[in-house]
Each structure stands twice: as C-alpha cells, then as structure tokens.
Amino acid sequence: MKNSKTLFVSQAALIAALYVVLTLLANALGLANYAIQLRFSEALTILPFFTPAAIPGLFLGCLISNLLTGAILWDIIFGSLATLLGAVGTYLLRRCKWLAPLPPIVANTLIVPMVLYFAYHIPGSIPYFMLTVGLGEILSCGVLGILLLLLLQKYKKYIFPAASAKE
C-alpha cells in the first residue's frame, strides 16, 4: 500500500514539473498567456486517461506555472481551476480515448476568456477570446494530447504500472 502512495505522489510531482517546464518554454516563445495561447503543457491534460495522479499534478503544475509567468490572482485561481476541472473530466472519460481531450478544451474555452476579459481587461470580446483560447486548446489538448496518448499507450505498463495492473 505504501508503495502505491509513493508512486502516486511521484507521478503527480513529475507531471507538475513537466507542466511547469513546458509552460515556461511556451512562455519564452510568447505563447503561454493572454488572447493567443498555445501551451505545450496542455497536451499533458491527457494524462488522467492513464493515472489519477495526473489530476493533482496538472492542477499544481498549472498553479505553479501561472505564478511563475506573472499571472494575476484571478488567472492563478480560475486558470488553475479550469485545468483541474479538465483533468477530472478527462479521468471520467478515460474509457473513451477520443473524448478524453474534450473536458480541458471545454473548461479552458469557457473559463479563460472570462479571466482575459474581466481580470486583464484585454481589448476584445468574450466570443473572440473563446475562439482564440479554444483553438489553442484544440491544438494543445486535441491534437498534441491525442498524439501523446497514442504514444503513451504503447508504453503505459512501464510508465503507469499501477494503472496497467488494474486492467
């Protein structure tokens, strides 16, 4: 039992660290924040398909990323909650891999535009931000996420042994 708790915490921490590193990379390229967003780290939102440890890992990774990239309080709170909701949704849809990227796409497309409009006061409209954030999420979660899922499925018994043992 202790071993599975250690594995859970280790996986969550590794996922959080990967999320942070990938977000910082996107931020360095000017892609992580504001109206046009393409966070490579959002591809990791597919990981709850494989392990529930990804849920706290993604939440903490997003929270830390938002702190490190200079996001304002409302973005730190609601952006991280959007990632948490998306991760829980992906975990709940883990029986259907083609639908697994949908929850983070929807959560971020609905929540992040409100933050951009009301908290940052970026010029533009909520529908415009829904379009830009939604397209970024489709690319990050839908395209990159599914590619990551297909790749990881080949190695899941090595990378996610606890999840593979339950099948």
N, C-alpha and C. Protein backbone atom coordinates (compact mmCIF):
# COMPACT_ATOMS: atom_id res chain seq x y z
N MET A 1 0.83 -1.20 0.00
CA MET A 1 0.00 0.00 0.00
C MET A 1 0.87 1.26 0.00
N LYS A 2 1.92 1.27 0.82
CA LYS A 2 2.80 2.42 0.88
C LYS A 2 3.45 2.68 -0.47
N ASN A 3 3.81 1.62 -1.18
CA ASN A 3 4.44 1.74 -2.48
C ASN A 3 3.53 2.46 -3.48
N SER A 4 2.23 2.15 -3.45
CA SER A 4 1.30 2.78 -4.39
C SER A 4 1.12 4.27 -4.07
N LYS A 5 1.16 4.63 -2.78
CA LYS A 5 1.07 6.04 -2.41
C LYS A 5 2.31 6.80 -2.88
N THR A 6 3.46 6.17 -2.74
CA THR A 6 4.71 6.78 -3.19
C THR A 6 4.69 6.96 -4.70
N LEU A 7 4.20 5.95 -5.41
CA LEU A 7 4.10 6.04 -6.87
C LEU A 7 3.15 7.16 -7.27
N PHE A 8 2.02 7.26 -6.60
CA PHE A 8 1.03 8.30 -6.88
C PHE A 8 1.65 9.70 -6.72
N VAL A 9 2.29 9.92 -5.57
CA VAL A 9 2.90 11.22 -5.30
C VAL A 9 4.03 11.51 -6.28
N SER A 10 4.83 10.50 -6.59
CA SER A 10 5.94 10.68 -7.54
C SER A 10 5.43 11.04 -8.93
N GLN A 11 4.39 10.34 -9.38
CA GLN A 11 3.83 10.64 -10.69
C GLN A 11 3.22 12.04 -10.72
N ALA A 12 2.50 12.40 -9.67
CA ALA A 12 1.88 13.73 -9.61
C ALA A 12 2.97 14.82 -9.65
N ALA A 13 4.03 14.62 -8.89
CA ALA A 13 5.11 15.61 -8.86
C ALA A 13 5.82 15.71 -10.21
N LEU A 14 6.04 14.59 -10.84
CA LEU A 14 6.70 14.60 -12.15
C LEU A 14 5.83 15.29 -13.20
N ILE A 15 4.55 15.02 -13.16
CA ILE A 15 3.61 15.65 -14.11
C ILE A 15 3.56 17.16 -13.86
N ALA A 16 3.53 17.57 -12.59
CA ALA A 16 3.54 19.00 -12.27
C ALA A 16 4.81 19.66 -12.80
N ALA A 17 5.95 19.01 -12.59
CA ALA A 17 7.22 19.56 -13.06
C ALA A 17 7.26 19.66 -14.59
N LEU A 18 6.77 18.63 -15.27
CA LEU A 18 6.72 18.67 -16.73
C LEU A 18 5.82 19.79 -17.23
N TYR A 19 4.68 19.96 -16.57
CA TYR A 19 3.75 21.02 -16.94
C TYR A 19 4.43 22.39 -16.81
N VAL A 20 5.13 22.60 -15.71
CA VAL A 20 5.82 23.87 -15.48
C VAL A 20 6.88 24.11 -16.56
N VAL A 21 7.72 23.12 -16.81
CA VAL A 21 8.79 23.29 -17.80
C VAL A 21 8.22 23.59 -19.18
N LEU A 22 7.19 22.85 -19.58
CA LEU A 22 6.60 23.08 -20.90
C LEU A 22 5.90 24.44 -20.99
N THR A 23 5.29 24.88 -19.89
CA THR A 23 4.66 26.20 -19.89
C THR A 23 5.72 27.30 -19.97
N LEU A 24 6.82 27.13 -19.25
CA LEU A 24 7.89 28.13 -19.30
C LEU A 24 8.49 28.20 -20.70
N LEU A 25 8.57 27.06 -21.38
CA LEU A 25 9.05 27.05 -22.77
C LEU A 25 8.09 27.84 -23.66
N ALA A 26 6.79 27.56 -23.54
CA ALA A 26 5.79 28.29 -24.32
C ALA A 26 5.80 29.78 -23.97
N ASN A 27 6.01 30.08 -22.69
CA ASN A 27 6.06 31.48 -22.26
C ASN A 27 7.27 32.19 -22.87
N ALA A 28 8.39 31.51 -22.94
CA ALA A 28 9.59 32.09 -23.54
C ALA A 28 9.36 32.42 -25.02
N LEU A 29 8.47 31.65 -25.65
CA LEU A 29 8.14 31.88 -27.05
C LEU A 29 6.94 32.83 -27.22
N GLY A 30 6.42 33.32 -26.08
CA GLY A 30 5.28 34.25 -26.12
C GLY A 30 3.95 33.58 -26.39
N LEU A 31 3.83 32.29 -26.08
CA LEU A 31 2.61 31.54 -26.41
C LEU A 31 1.78 31.12 -25.20
N ALA A 32 2.22 31.40 -23.98
CA ALA A 32 1.58 30.81 -22.81
C ALA A 32 0.42 31.61 -22.23
N ASN A 33 0.33 32.89 -22.51
CA ASN A 33 -0.67 33.72 -21.84
C ASN A 33 -1.37 34.66 -22.81
N TYR A 34 -2.43 35.26 -22.30
CA TYR A 34 -3.22 36.27 -22.98
C TYR A 34 -4.12 35.70 -24.08
N ALA A 35 -4.51 36.50 -25.05
CA ALA A 35 -5.55 36.11 -26.00
C ALA A 35 -5.15 34.93 -26.88
N ILE A 36 -3.91 34.89 -27.32
CA ILE A 36 -3.44 33.79 -28.15
C ILE A 36 -2.60 32.89 -27.26
N GLN A 37 -3.07 31.68 -27.04
CA GLN A 37 -2.37 30.76 -26.14
C GLN A 37 -2.17 29.42 -26.82
N LEU A 38 -0.95 28.96 -26.76
CA LEU A 38 -0.65 27.60 -27.21
C LEU A 38 0.35 27.03 -26.21
N ARG A 39 -0.21 26.53 -25.11
CA ARG A 39 0.62 25.94 -24.07
C ARG A 39 0.88 24.47 -24.43
N PHE A 40 2.14 24.16 -24.68
CA PHE A 40 2.50 22.76 -24.96
C PHE A 40 2.13 21.88 -23.78
N SER A 41 2.20 22.46 -22.59
CA SER A 41 1.89 21.73 -21.37
C SER A 41 0.45 21.22 -21.34
N GLU A 42 -0.44 21.86 -22.06
CA GLU A 42 -1.83 21.42 -22.08
C GLU A 42 -2.00 20.05 -22.73
N ALA A 43 -1.03 19.62 -23.51
CA ALA A 43 -1.08 18.25 -24.06
C ALA A 43 -1.06 17.23 -22.93
N LEU A 44 -0.47 17.60 -21.80
CA LEU A 44 -0.40 16.70 -20.64
C LEU A 44 -1.76 16.47 -20.00
N THR A 45 -2.76 17.29 -20.36
CA THR A 45 -4.08 17.10 -19.77
C THR A 45 -4.70 15.77 -20.20
N ILE A 46 -4.04 15.07 -21.09
CA ILE A 46 -4.49 13.73 -21.49
C ILE A 46 -4.08 12.68 -20.44
N LEU A 47 -3.15 13.01 -19.57
CA LEU A 47 -2.59 12.02 -18.64
C LEU A 47 -3.57 11.43 -17.63
N PRO A 48 -4.65 12.12 -17.23
CA PRO A 48 -5.61 11.44 -16.36
C PRO A 48 -6.27 10.22 -17.03
N PHE A 49 -6.15 10.12 -18.34
CA PHE A 49 -6.59 8.92 -19.06
C PHE A 49 -5.84 7.70 -18.52
N PHE A 50 -4.58 7.91 -18.10
CA PHE A 50 -3.72 6.82 -17.65
C PHE A 50 -3.64 6.68 -16.13
N THR A 51 -3.68 7.79 -15.41
CA THR A 51 -3.50 7.74 -13.96
C THR A 51 -4.22 8.89 -13.27
N PRO A 52 -4.87 8.60 -12.15
CA PRO A 52 -5.50 9.69 -11.38
C PRO A 52 -4.46 10.63 -10.76
N ALA A 53 -3.21 10.20 -10.66
CA ALA A 53 -2.16 11.07 -10.13
C ALA A 53 -1.97 12.31 -10.99
N ALA A 54 -2.40 12.24 -12.23
CA ALA A 54 -2.28 13.39 -13.13
C ALA A 54 -3.20 14.53 -12.70
N ILE A 55 -4.26 14.24 -12.01
CA ILE A 55 -5.21 15.30 -11.61
C ILE A 55 -4.53 16.32 -10.69
N PRO A 56 -3.98 15.90 -9.54
CA PRO A 56 -3.29 16.91 -8.72
C PRO A 56 -2.01 17.42 -9.40
N GLY A 57 -1.36 16.58 -10.18
CA GLY A 57 -0.15 17.00 -10.87
C GLY A 57 -0.41 18.13 -11.84
N LEU A 58 -1.46 18.01 -12.63
CA LEU A 58 -1.80 19.06 -13.59
C LEU A 58 -2.24 20.34 -12.89
N PHE A 59 -3.04 20.18 -11.84
CA PHE A 59 -3.51 21.35 -11.08
C PHE A 59 -2.33 22.11 -10.49
N LEU A 60 -1.44 21.39 -9.81
CA LEU A 60 -0.28 22.05 -9.21
C LEU A 60 0.66 22.63 -10.26
N GLY A 61 0.84 21.90 -11.35
CA GLY A 61 1.69 22.39 -12.43
C GLY A 61 1.15 23.69 -13.01
N CYS A 62 -0.15 23.76 -13.22
CA CYS A 62 -0.77 24.98 -13.76
C CYS A 62 -0.67 26.11 -12.74
N LEU A 63 -0.93 25.81 -11.49
CA LEU A 63 -0.85 26.81 -10.43
C LEU A 63 0.56 27.41 -10.35
N ILE A 64 1.57 26.54 -10.32
CA ILE A 64 2.96 27.00 -10.25
C ILE A 64 3.33 27.77 -11.52
N SER A 65 2.90 27.27 -12.67
CA SER A 65 3.19 27.95 -13.94
C SER A 65 2.60 29.35 -13.97
N ASN A 66 1.37 29.47 -13.52
CA ASN A 66 0.72 30.77 -13.51
C ASN A 66 1.43 31.74 -12.55
N LEU A 67 1.90 31.22 -11.44
CA LEU A 67 2.67 32.05 -10.51
C LEU A 67 3.98 32.51 -11.15
N LEU A 68 4.68 31.58 -11.79
CA LEU A 68 5.99 31.87 -12.36
C LEU A 68 5.93 32.76 -13.60
N THR A 69 4.84 32.72 -14.32
CA THR A 69 4.73 33.53 -15.54
C THR A 69 4.11 34.90 -15.28
N GLY A 70 3.88 35.22 -14.02
CA GLY A 70 3.38 36.55 -13.67
C GLY A 70 1.90 36.76 -13.85
N ALA A 71 1.13 35.70 -13.82
CA ALA A 71 -0.33 35.83 -13.95
C ALA A 71 -0.88 36.57 -12.72
N ILE A 72 -2.00 37.24 -12.92
CA ILE A 72 -2.64 37.93 -11.80
C ILE A 72 -3.46 36.91 -11.00
N LEU A 73 -3.87 37.32 -9.80
CA LEU A 73 -4.53 36.41 -8.87
C LEU A 73 -5.72 35.68 -9.49
N TRP A 74 -6.57 36.41 -10.22
CA TRP A 74 -7.76 35.77 -10.79
C TRP A 74 -7.39 34.69 -11.81
N ASP A 75 -6.33 34.92 -12.55
CA ASP A 75 -5.86 33.94 -13.51
C ASP A 75 -5.25 32.73 -12.80
N ILE A 76 -4.51 33.00 -11.74
CA ILE A 76 -3.92 31.91 -10.97
C ILE A 76 -5.03 31.01 -10.43
N ILE A 77 -6.07 31.62 -9.89
CA ILE A 77 -7.17 30.84 -9.31
C ILE A 77 -8.00 30.15 -10.39
N PHE A 78 -8.57 30.94 -11.30
CA PHE A 78 -9.52 30.37 -12.26
C PHE A 78 -8.86 29.58 -13.38
N GLY A 79 -7.67 29.99 -13.80
CA GLY A 79 -6.94 29.20 -14.80
C GLY A 79 -6.57 27.83 -14.25
N SER A 80 -6.14 27.80 -12.99
CA SER A 80 -5.79 26.53 -12.36
C SER A 80 -7.03 25.66 -12.14
N LEU A 81 -8.13 26.30 -11.76
CA LEU A 81 -9.39 25.55 -11.60
C LEU A 81 -9.89 24.99 -12.93
N ALA A 82 -9.69 25.73 -14.01
CA ALA A 82 -10.08 25.22 -15.33
C ALA A 82 -9.28 23.97 -15.66
N THR A 83 -8.00 23.99 -15.36
CA THR A 83 -7.16 22.81 -15.60
C THR A 83 -7.60 21.66 -14.70
N LEU A 84 -7.93 21.95 -13.46
CA LEU A 84 -8.41 20.90 -12.54
C LEU A 84 -9.70 20.28 -13.05
N LEU A 85 -10.65 21.11 -13.46
CA LEU A 85 -11.92 20.59 -14.00
C LEU A 85 -11.68 19.75 -15.25
N GLY A 86 -10.81 20.23 -16.12
CA GLY A 86 -10.48 19.47 -17.32
C GLY A 86 -9.84 18.14 -17.00
N ALA A 87 -8.95 18.12 -16.02
CA ALA A 87 -8.27 16.87 -15.63
C ALA A 87 -9.26 15.86 -15.05
N VAL A 88 -10.16 16.33 -14.20
CA VAL A 88 -11.18 15.44 -13.63
C VAL A 88 -12.07 14.90 -14.75
N GLY A 89 -12.47 15.77 -15.66
CA GLY A 89 -13.29 15.34 -16.79
C GLY A 89 -12.60 14.30 -17.66
N THR A 90 -11.30 14.50 -17.91
CA THR A 90 -10.55 13.52 -18.70
C THR A 90 -10.51 12.18 -17.98
N TYR A 91 -10.31 12.22 -16.68
CA TYR A 91 -10.29 10.98 -15.90
C TYR A 91 -11.65 10.26 -16.00
N LEU A 92 -12.71 11.03 -15.93
CA LEU A 92 -14.06 10.43 -16.01
C LEU A 92 -14.35 9.86 -17.40
N LEU A 93 -13.72 10.40 -18.42
CA LEU A 93 -13.93 9.92 -19.79
C LEU A 93 -12.83 8.96 -20.25
N ARG A 94 -12.08 8.39 -19.32
CA ARG A 94 -10.93 7.56 -19.67
C ARG A 94 -11.29 6.29 -20.43
N ARG A 95 -12.54 5.92 -20.48
CA ARG A 95 -12.95 4.73 -21.23
C ARG A 95 -13.06 5.02 -22.73
N CYS A 96 -13.08 6.29 -23.08
CA CYS A 96 -13.20 6.67 -24.50
C CYS A 96 -12.08 7.63 -24.85
N LYS A 97 -10.99 7.10 -25.39
CA LYS A 97 -9.80 7.93 -25.63
C LYS A 97 -10.06 9.09 -26.56
N TRP A 98 -10.98 8.97 -27.48
CA TRP A 98 -11.21 10.06 -28.43
C TRP A 98 -11.95 11.22 -27.80
N LEU A 99 -12.65 10.99 -26.69
CA LEU A 99 -13.34 12.07 -25.99
C LEU A 99 -12.51 12.63 -24.83
N ALA A 100 -11.44 11.94 -24.45
CA ALA A 100 -10.64 12.33 -23.29
C ALA A 100 -10.10 13.77 -23.37
N PRO A 101 -9.73 14.30 -24.53
CA PRO A 101 -9.23 15.69 -24.55
C PRO A 101 -10.34 16.75 -24.45
N LEU A 102 -11.58 16.34 -24.59
CA LEU A 102 -12.68 17.29 -24.62
C LEU A 102 -12.85 18.12 -23.34
N PRO A 103 -12.80 17.53 -22.14
CA PRO A 103 -13.01 18.34 -20.92
C PRO A 103 -12.04 19.51 -20.75
N PRO A 104 -10.72 19.33 -20.94
CA PRO A 104 -9.86 20.52 -20.79
C PRO A 104 -10.10 21.56 -21.88
N ILE A 105 -10.46 21.11 -23.08
CA ILE A 105 -10.77 22.06 -24.15
C ILE A 105 -11.98 22.91 -23.74
N VAL A 106 -13.03 22.25 -23.28
CA VAL A 106 -14.26 22.96 -22.90
C VAL A 106 -14.03 23.84 -21.67
N ALA A 107 -13.39 23.29 -20.64
CA ALA A 107 -13.18 24.05 -19.40
C ALA A 107 -12.38 25.33 -19.67
N ASN A 108 -11.30 25.21 -20.41
CA ASN A 108 -10.48 26.38 -20.69
C ASN A 108 -11.15 27.36 -21.64
N THR A 109 -11.89 26.83 -22.61
CA THR A 109 -12.59 27.69 -23.57
C THR A 109 -13.69 28.51 -22.89
N LEU A 110 -14.28 27.96 -21.83
CA LEU A 110 -15.33 28.68 -21.12
C LEU A 110 -14.81 29.60 -20.02
N ILE A 111 -13.75 29.19 -19.33
CA ILE A 111 -13.28 29.92 -18.16
C ILE A 111 -12.22 30.98 -18.49
N VAL A 112 -11.22 30.61 -19.25
CA VAL A 112 -10.09 31.53 -19.51
C VAL A 112 -10.53 32.82 -20.22
N PRO A 113 -11.44 32.78 -21.19
CA PRO A 113 -11.87 34.05 -21.80
C PRO A 113 -12.48 35.04 -20.80
N MET A 114 -13.16 34.53 -19.79
CA MET A 114 -13.73 35.41 -18.76
C MET A 114 -12.60 36.10 -17.99
N VAL A 115 -11.55 35.35 -17.70
CA VAL A 115 -10.39 35.92 -17.00
C VAL A 115 -9.72 36.98 -17.87
N LEU A 116 -9.54 36.67 -19.14
CA LEU A 116 -8.90 37.63 -20.04
C LEU A 116 -9.70 38.92 -20.13
N TYR A 117 -11.00 38.80 -20.20
CA TYR A 117 -11.86 39.97 -20.37
C TYR A 117 -12.03 40.76 -19.07
N PHE A 118 -12.42 40.05 -17.99
CA PHE A 118 -12.76 40.75 -16.75
C PHE A 118 -11.55 41.07 -15.87
N ALA A 119 -10.55 40.21 -15.85
CA ALA A 119 -9.41 40.42 -14.96
C ALA A 119 -8.28 41.21 -15.64
N TYR A 120 -7.95 40.83 -16.86
CA TYR A 120 -6.86 41.51 -17.56
C TYR A 120 -7.33 42.73 -18.36
N HIS A 121 -8.62 42.79 -18.65
CA HIS A 121 -9.20 43.89 -19.44
C HIS A 121 -8.51 44.02 -20.80
N ILE A 122 -8.21 42.87 -21.39
CA ILE A 122 -7.59 42.86 -22.72
C ILE A 122 -8.64 43.30 -23.73
N PRO A 123 -8.27 44.19 -24.65
CA PRO A 123 -9.24 44.62 -25.66
C PRO A 123 -9.70 43.42 -26.50
N GLY A 124 -10.97 43.34 -26.68
CA GLY A 124 -11.57 42.24 -27.43
C GLY A 124 -12.86 41.82 -26.76
N SER A 125 -13.48 40.81 -27.31
CA SER A 125 -14.75 40.35 -26.77
C SER A 125 -14.60 38.93 -26.24
N ILE A 126 -15.52 38.54 -25.41
CA ILE A 126 -15.50 37.18 -24.86
C ILE A 126 -15.62 36.15 -25.98
N PRO A 127 -16.50 36.33 -26.99
CA PRO A 127 -16.54 35.34 -28.08
C PRO A 127 -15.20 35.23 -28.83
N TYR A 128 -14.52 36.37 -29.01
CA TYR A 128 -13.21 36.34 -29.67
C TYR A 128 -12.21 35.54 -28.83
N PHE A 129 -12.21 35.79 -27.52
CA PHE A 129 -11.29 35.06 -26.64
C PHE A 129 -11.65 33.57 -26.58
N MET A 130 -12.93 33.27 -26.65
CA MET A 130 -13.34 31.86 -26.69
C MET A 130 -12.80 31.20 -27.95
N LEU A 131 -12.82 31.92 -29.04
CA LEU A 131 -12.30 31.39 -30.30
C LEU A 131 -10.79 31.18 -30.21
N THR A 132 -10.05 32.20 -29.74
CA THR A 132 -8.59 32.09 -29.71
C THR A 132 -8.12 31.06 -28.69
N VAL A 133 -8.71 31.09 -27.50
CA VAL A 133 -8.33 30.11 -26.47
C VAL A 133 -8.77 28.71 -26.90
N GLY A 134 -9.97 28.62 -27.44
CA GLY A 134 -10.49 27.32 -27.89
C GLY A 134 -9.62 26.70 -28.97
N LEU A 135 -9.19 27.50 -29.94
CA LEU A 135 -8.30 26.97 -30.98
C LEU A 135 -6.97 26.51 -30.41
N GLY A 136 -6.42 27.29 -29.48
CA GLY A 136 -5.18 26.89 -28.82
C GLY A 136 -5.34 25.59 -28.05
N GLU A 137 -6.48 25.44 -27.39
CA GLU A 137 -6.75 24.21 -26.64
C GLU A 137 -6.98 23.02 -27.57
N ILE A 138 -7.64 23.25 -28.69
CA ILE A 138 -7.83 22.17 -29.66
C ILE A 138 -6.48 21.68 -30.16
N LEU A 139 -5.59 22.62 -30.45
CA LEU A 139 -4.25 22.23 -30.91
C LEU A 139 -3.46 21.54 -29.80
N SER A 140 -3.48 22.13 -28.59
CA SER A 140 -2.70 21.58 -27.47
C SER A 140 -3.27 20.27 -26.96
N CYS A 141 -4.54 20.27 -26.60
CA CYS A 141 -5.16 19.08 -25.99
C CYS A 141 -5.63 18.08 -27.04
N GLY A 142 -6.31 18.61 -28.06
CA GLY A 142 -6.89 17.73 -29.07
C GLY A 142 -5.88 17.07 -29.97
N VAL A 143 -4.98 17.86 -30.52
CA VAL A 143 -4.00 17.31 -31.47
C VAL A 143 -2.78 16.74 -30.73
N LEU A 144 -2.07 17.62 -30.01
CA LEU A 144 -0.88 17.15 -29.30
C LEU A 144 -1.23 16.13 -28.22
N GLY A 145 -2.34 16.36 -27.52
CA GLY A 145 -2.77 15.44 -26.46
C GLY A 145 -3.08 14.05 -26.99
N ILE A 146 -3.81 13.97 -28.08
CA ILE A 146 -4.12 12.66 -28.67
C ILE A 146 -2.86 11.98 -29.19
N LEU A 147 -1.96 12.74 -29.80
CA LEU A 147 -0.69 12.15 -30.24
C LEU A 147 0.09 11.60 -29.05
N LEU A 148 0.10 12.34 -27.96
CA LEU A 148 0.76 11.87 -26.74
C LEU A 148 0.08 10.62 -26.19
N LEU A 149 -1.24 10.62 -26.19
CA LEU A 149 -1.99 9.45 -25.72
C LEU A 149 -1.64 8.21 -26.54
N LEU A 150 -1.63 8.34 -27.85
CA LEU A 150 -1.32 7.20 -28.71
C LEU A 150 0.10 6.69 -28.49
N LEU A 151 1.02 7.60 -28.27
CA LEU A 151 2.40 7.21 -27.99
C LEU A 151 2.52 6.52 -26.63
N LEU A 152 1.89 7.11 -25.62
CA LEU A 152 1.99 6.56 -24.28
C LEU A 152 1.27 5.22 -24.11
N GLN A 153 0.24 4.99 -24.92
CA GLN A 153 -0.47 3.70 -24.84
C GLN A 153 0.47 2.53 -25.09
N LYS A 154 1.47 2.73 -25.93
CA LYS A 154 2.42 1.67 -26.24
C LYS A 154 3.30 1.34 -25.04
N TYR A 155 3.51 2.32 -24.15
CA TYR A 155 4.44 2.15 -23.04
C TYR A 155 3.78 2.27 -21.67
N LYS A 156 2.46 2.23 -21.62
CA LYS A 156 1.76 2.50 -20.37
C LYS A 156 2.10 1.52 -19.25
N LYS A 157 2.38 0.28 -19.57
CA LYS A 157 2.69 -0.67 -18.49
C LYS A 157 4.02 -0.35 -17.81
N TYR A 158 4.89 0.40 -18.50
CA TYR A 158 6.16 0.80 -17.92
C TYR A 158 6.06 2.16 -17.22
N ILE A 159 5.29 3.08 -17.82
CA ILE A 159 5.20 4.43 -17.30
C ILE A 159 4.14 4.55 -16.20
N PHE A 160 3.04 3.83 -16.38
CA PHE A 160 1.92 3.88 -15.42
C PHE A 160 1.61 2.47 -14.93
N PRO A 161 2.53 1.84 -14.19
CA PRO A 161 2.34 0.44 -13.81
C PRO A 161 1.13 0.18 -12.93
N ALA A 162 0.80 1.10 -12.04
CA ALA A 162 -0.36 0.89 -11.17
C ALA A 162 -1.65 0.86 -11.97
N ALA A 163 -1.78 1.73 -12.94
CA ALA A 163 -2.97 1.79 -13.77
C ALA A 163 -3.06 0.55 -14.67
N SER A 164 -1.92 0.11 -15.19
CA SER A 164 -1.91 -1.05 -16.07
C SER A 164 -2.24 -2.33 -15.31
N ALA A 165 -1.85 -2.40 -14.04
CA ALA A 165 -2.10 -3.59 -13.23
C ALA A 165 -3.59 -3.75 -12.94
N LYS A 166 -4.35 -2.66 -12.93
CA LYS A 166 -5.78 -2.72 -12.62
C LYS A 166 -6.61 -3.19 -13.80
N GLU A 167 -6.03 -3.21 -15.00
CA GLU A 167 -6.80 -3.59 -16.20
C GLU A 167 -6.99 -5.08 -16.30
